[in-house]
């Protein structure tokens, strides 16, 4: 069966503008243009669009999706199994958040008492899920699976007070880092205060602290664009500045 661009847009619940964009970037091309100038799509394009939308739902960017589905060894069936697994993980996380809300309602109504850990379990699981998705591979390669699992368990065992404190500390680091970066000296009092704050932040997650590991993490912030983007959000160059400040704080120059 064939579809015009309007019909396939209605079928998939997306706009014709989106489909035209997919065409312009060679992500999803129509099989032909009819005599009236309309893009026409067939069954293969329907299946391909479904794959694209699954990948989008899982947070993949268009460039990454294009690269994946354009590979010669791309297996649509395997991809569907992968989508299912990821969606089940997402469902599990949503179920946990819903359970946390239900328990919180019951506690407000005086039916149960929640522990501090139960109140924040859903949010912590969400944080771990996001961290694993973005940084899991590189962190495990650098520090080992055992170290990562210990760190994850430490997060899950945080009390409400600890969780709120570490969240606030992370926000404060971002603000003060941007301020120190504008001063321009990683050896300044302000920059060294940020390095000390960063060490305190790590203590909430790491089972043990070492200067060498702290320096290694700081260097990774610069080497990995994902970390650099996070620290550079408020002030460009902050990731490298934080690295330099931490190197000074731990007694080593670059």
Protein backbone atom coordinates (compact mmCIF):
# COMPACT_ATOMS: atom_id res chain seq x y z
CA UNK A 1 0.00 0.00 0.00
CA UNK A 2 1.17 3.53 -0.74
CA UNK A 3 0.61 6.71 1.23
CA UNK A 4 0.82 10.39 0.45
CA UNK A 5 2.84 12.50 2.86
CA UNK A 6 -0.37 13.72 4.53
CA UNK A 7 -1.71 10.22 5.03
CA UNK A 8 1.52 8.85 6.48
CA UNK A 9 1.78 11.89 8.76
CA UNK A 10 -1.76 11.26 10.06
CA UNK A 11 -1.04 7.55 10.43
CA UNK A 12 2.13 8.13 12.48
CA UNK A 13 0.88 11.12 14.45
CA UNK A 14 3.60 13.46 13.22
CA UNK A 15 3.60 16.54 11.00
CA UNK A 16 4.23 16.70 7.27
CA UNK A 17 6.90 19.26 8.11
CA UNK A 18 8.75 16.56 10.09
CA UNK A 19 8.56 14.16 7.15
CA UNK A 20 9.85 16.82 4.76
CA UNK A 21 12.73 17.43 7.16
CA UNK A 22 13.52 13.71 7.26
CA UNK A 23 13.58 13.77 3.46
CA UNK A 24 15.87 16.81 3.33
CA UNK A 25 18.46 15.14 5.60
CA UNK A 26 18.17 11.80 3.77
CA UNK A 27 16.80 10.04 6.83
CA UNK A 28 13.53 8.93 5.24
CA UNK A 29 13.10 9.40 1.50
CA UNK A 30 9.78 8.82 -0.33
CA UNK A 31 9.76 6.12 -3.00
CA UNK A 32 8.71 8.69 -5.57
CA UNK A 33 7.08 12.03 -6.24
CA UNK A 34 3.73 11.73 -8.05
CA UNK A 35 2.51 13.84 -10.94
CA UNK A 36 0.92 16.29 -8.50
CA UNK A 37 4.21 16.83 -6.73
CA UNK A 38 3.30 14.85 -3.59
CA UNK A 39 5.78 12.59 -1.80
CA UNK A 40 4.65 8.96 -1.91
CA UNK A 41 5.68 6.37 0.69
CA UNK A 42 5.42 2.57 0.63
CA UNK A 43 5.49 -0.30 3.15
CA UNK A 44 9.27 -0.22 3.51
CA UNK A 45 9.11 3.47 4.38
CA UNK A 46 6.37 2.77 6.92
CA UNK A 47 8.60 0.23 8.68
CA UNK A 48 11.58 2.57 8.53
CA UNK A 49 9.55 5.44 9.98
CA UNK A 50 8.46 3.17 12.83
CA UNK A 51 12.11 2.44 13.61
CA UNK A 52 12.95 6.14 13.52
CA UNK A 53 10.14 6.99 15.95
CA UNK A 54 11.17 4.19 18.31
CA UNK A 55 14.73 5.52 18.36
CA UNK A 56 13.45 9.05 18.92
CA UNK A 57 11.32 7.89 21.84
CA UNK A 58 14.44 6.40 23.40
CA UNK A 59 16.26 9.71 23.14
CA UNK A 60 18.47 9.18 20.09
CA UNK A 61 19.37 12.19 17.96
CA UNK A 62 18.54 12.23 14.25
CA UNK A 63 22.19 12.03 13.19
CA UNK A 64 22.68 8.93 15.33
CA UNK A 65 19.46 7.35 14.05
CA UNK A 66 20.51 7.97 10.46
CA UNK A 67 23.89 6.38 11.10
CA UNK A 68 22.35 3.33 12.77
CA UNK A 69 19.65 2.51 10.26
CA UNK A 70 21.93 3.20 7.29
CA UNK A 71 24.44 0.53 8.26
CA UNK A 72 24.63 -2.44 5.94
CA UNK A 73 24.34 -4.85 8.86
CA UNK A 74 21.34 -3.06 10.43
CA UNK A 75 18.85 -5.72 11.54
CA UNK A 76 15.28 -4.38 11.95
CA UNK A 77 14.18 -7.41 14.00
CA UNK A 78 17.12 -7.10 16.39
CA UNK A 79 16.39 -3.36 16.65
CA UNK A 80 12.80 -4.10 17.65
CA UNK A 81 13.98 -6.44 20.40
CA UNK A 82 16.36 -3.69 21.55
CA UNK A 83 13.51 -1.14 21.55
CA UNK A 84 11.37 -3.50 23.60
CA UNK A 85 14.10 -4.00 26.19
CA UNK A 86 14.72 -0.28 26.55
CA UNK A 87 11.00 0.49 26.77
CA UNK A 88 10.57 -2.19 29.45
CA UNK A 89 13.37 -0.52 31.42
CA UNK A 90 11.60 2.81 31.00
CA UNK A 91 8.30 1.24 32.09
CA UNK A 92 9.99 -0.23 35.16
CA UNK A 93 11.29 3.21 36.08
CA UNK A 94 7.87 4.81 35.58
CA UNK A 95 6.25 2.06 37.66
CA UNK A 96 8.70 2.81 40.46
CA UNK A 97 7.91 6.53 40.33
CA UNK A 98 4.17 5.78 40.36
CA UNK A 99 4.67 3.47 43.34
CA UNK A 100 6.56 6.25 45.15
CA UNK A 101 3.69 8.68 44.46
CA UNK A 102 1.10 6.14 45.68
CA UNK A 103 3.04 5.55 48.90
CA UNK A 104 3.46 9.29 49.42
CA UNK A 105 -0.30 9.77 49.04
CA UNK A 106 -0.96 6.96 51.51
CA UNK A 107 1.45 8.51 53.99
CA UNK A 108 -0.22 11.92 53.66
CA UNK A 109 -3.54 10.22 54.35
CA UNK A 110 -2.08 8.63 57.49
CA UNK A 111 -2.27 5.07 56.21
CA UNK A 112 1.46 4.22 56.18
CA UNK A 113 4.86 5.55 57.17
CA UNK A 114 7.63 5.87 54.57
CA UNK A 115 11.33 5.71 55.24
CA UNK A 116 13.56 8.45 53.87
CA UNK A 117 14.97 5.96 51.37
CA UNK A 118 11.48 5.06 50.09
CA UNK A 119 10.58 8.71 49.54
CA UNK A 120 13.43 9.20 47.10
CA UNK A 121 13.88 5.71 45.68
CA UNK A 122 12.15 6.56 42.40
CA UNK A 123 14.19 9.69 41.82
CA UNK A 124 17.45 7.94 42.64
CA UNK A 125 16.63 5.11 40.25
CA UNK A 126 15.88 7.67 37.56
CA UNK A 127 19.22 9.37 38.19
CA UNK A 128 21.04 6.05 37.95
CA UNK A 129 19.19 5.19 34.75
CA UNK A 130 20.12 8.50 33.12
CA UNK A 131 23.73 8.26 34.28
CA UNK A 132 24.01 4.71 33.01
CA UNK A 133 22.57 5.65 29.64
CA UNK A 134 24.90 8.60 29.15
CA UNK A 135 28.08 7.63 30.94
CA UNK A 136 27.82 3.97 31.96
CA UNK A 137 30.22 2.53 29.43
CA UNK A 138 33.04 5.03 29.83
CA UNK A 139 32.81 5.08 33.64
CA UNK A 140 32.91 1.30 33.88
CA UNK A 141 35.85 1.13 31.50
CA UNK A 142 37.76 3.70 33.55
CA UNK A 143 36.93 2.63 37.11
CA UNK A 144 35.61 -0.93 36.79
CA UNK A 145 32.15 -2.40 37.29
CA UNK A 146 32.65 -3.10 41.00
CA UNK A 147 33.51 0.52 41.77
CA UNK A 148 30.51 1.76 39.80
CA UNK A 149 28.14 -0.64 41.54
CA UNK A 150 29.40 0.48 44.96
CA UNK A 151 28.83 4.08 43.96
CA UNK A 152 25.31 3.29 42.75
CA UNK A 153 24.51 1.48 45.99
CA UNK A 154 25.76 4.43 48.01
CA UNK A 155 23.35 6.67 46.12
CA UNK A 156 20.43 4.30 46.72
CA UNK A 157 21.21 4.24 50.46
CA UNK A 158 21.23 8.03 50.82
CA UNK A 159 18.86 9.53 53.35
CA UNK A 160 16.49 12.32 52.34
CA UNK A 161 18.81 14.86 53.96
CA UNK A 162 21.85 13.52 52.13
CA UNK A 163 20.06 13.39 48.79
CA UNK A 164 18.85 16.98 49.06
CA UNK A 165 22.28 18.11 50.24
CA UNK A 166 24.19 16.52 47.34
CA UNK A 167 21.67 17.83 44.81
CA UNK A 168 22.04 21.36 46.19
CA UNK A 169 25.82 20.99 46.28
CA UNK A 170 25.91 20.07 42.58
CA UNK A 171 23.91 23.18 41.75
CA UNK A 172 26.18 25.38 43.89
CA UNK A 173 29.27 23.96 42.18
CA UNK A 174 27.92 24.97 38.79
CA UNK A 175 27.25 28.54 39.92
CA UNK A 176 30.53 29.04 41.77
CA UNK A 177 32.52 27.37 39.00
CA UNK A 178 31.18 29.87 36.46
CA UNK A 179 32.03 32.75 38.81
CA UNK A 180 35.57 31.45 39.41
CA UNK A 181 36.10 30.84 35.69
CA UNK A 182 35.32 34.49 34.97
CA UNK A 183 38.10 35.47 37.36
CA UNK A 184 40.44 33.37 35.25
CA UNK A 185 42.82 31.89 37.83
CA UNK A 186 42.44 28.19 38.77
CA UNK A 187 44.76 28.78 41.73
CA UNK A 188 42.54 31.52 43.16
CA UNK A 189 40.76 31.13 46.49
CA UNK A 190 37.45 30.95 44.65
CA UNK A 191 38.62 28.22 42.28
CA UNK A 192 40.14 26.16 45.07
CA UNK A 193 36.90 26.44 47.00
CA UNK A 194 35.11 24.93 43.99
CA UNK A 195 37.64 22.08 43.88
CA UNK A 196 37.01 21.41 47.58
CA UNK A 197 33.27 21.48 46.98
CA UNK A 198 33.74 18.99 44.17
CA UNK A 199 35.61 16.67 46.52
CA UNK A 200 32.72 16.92 49.03
CA UNK A 201 30.29 16.13 46.22
CA UNK A 202 32.30 13.02 45.28
CA UNK A 203 32.24 11.83 48.89
CA UNK A 204 28.49 11.27 48.57
CA UNK A 205 29.08 8.79 45.74
CA UNK A 206 32.55 7.30 46.11
CA UNK A 207 33.26 4.57 48.64
CA UNK A 208 36.79 5.97 48.98
CA UNK A 209 38.56 9.11 47.79
CA UNK A 210 42.00 9.43 46.25
CA UNK A 211 43.75 12.38 44.67
CA UNK A 212 44.71 10.31 41.65
CA UNK A 213 41.11 9.26 40.99
CA UNK A 214 39.94 12.85 41.47
CA UNK A 215 42.46 14.06 38.88
CA UNK A 216 41.48 11.27 36.50
CA UNK A 217 37.83 12.25 36.74
CA UNK A 218 38.67 15.91 36.19
CA UNK A 219 40.63 15.05 33.05
CA UNK A 220 37.74 12.97 31.77
CA UNK A 221 35.48 16.02 32.11
CA UNK A 222 37.67 17.68 29.48
CA UNK A 223 38.26 14.66 27.25
CA UNK A 224 34.63 13.58 26.98
CA UNK A 225 32.36 16.10 25.19
CA UNK A 226 29.32 15.00 27.20
CA UNK A 227 30.92 15.98 30.51
CA UNK A 228 32.45 19.12 29.01
CA UNK A 229 29.04 20.23 27.77
CA UNK A 230 27.58 19.88 31.27
CA UNK A 231 30.28 21.94 32.97
CA UNK A 232 30.53 24.50 30.16
CA UNK A 233 26.78 25.16 30.22
CA UNK A 234 26.97 28.39 32.23
CA UNK A 235 30.47 29.53 31.25
CA UNK A 236 32.43 28.19 28.24
CA UNK A 237 35.74 26.61 29.20
CA UNK A 238 34.61 25.71 32.71
CA UNK A 239 35.37 22.00 32.33
CA UNK A 240 39.04 22.69 31.57
CA UNK A 241 39.15 25.33 34.30
CA UNK A 242 37.74 22.86 36.84
CA UNK A 243 40.32 20.29 35.74
CA UNK A 244 43.13 22.79 36.30
CA UNK A 245 41.73 23.81 39.69
CA UNK A 246 41.45 20.18 40.81
CA UNK A 247 44.99 19.44 39.64
CA UNK A 248 46.24 22.33 41.78
CA UNK A 249 44.00 21.30 44.68
CA UNK A 250 45.40 17.76 44.63
CA UNK A 251 48.99 18.98 44.33
CA UNK A 252 49.76 18.26 40.71
CA UNK A 253 50.12 20.48 37.66
CA UNK A 254 49.22 19.38 34.14
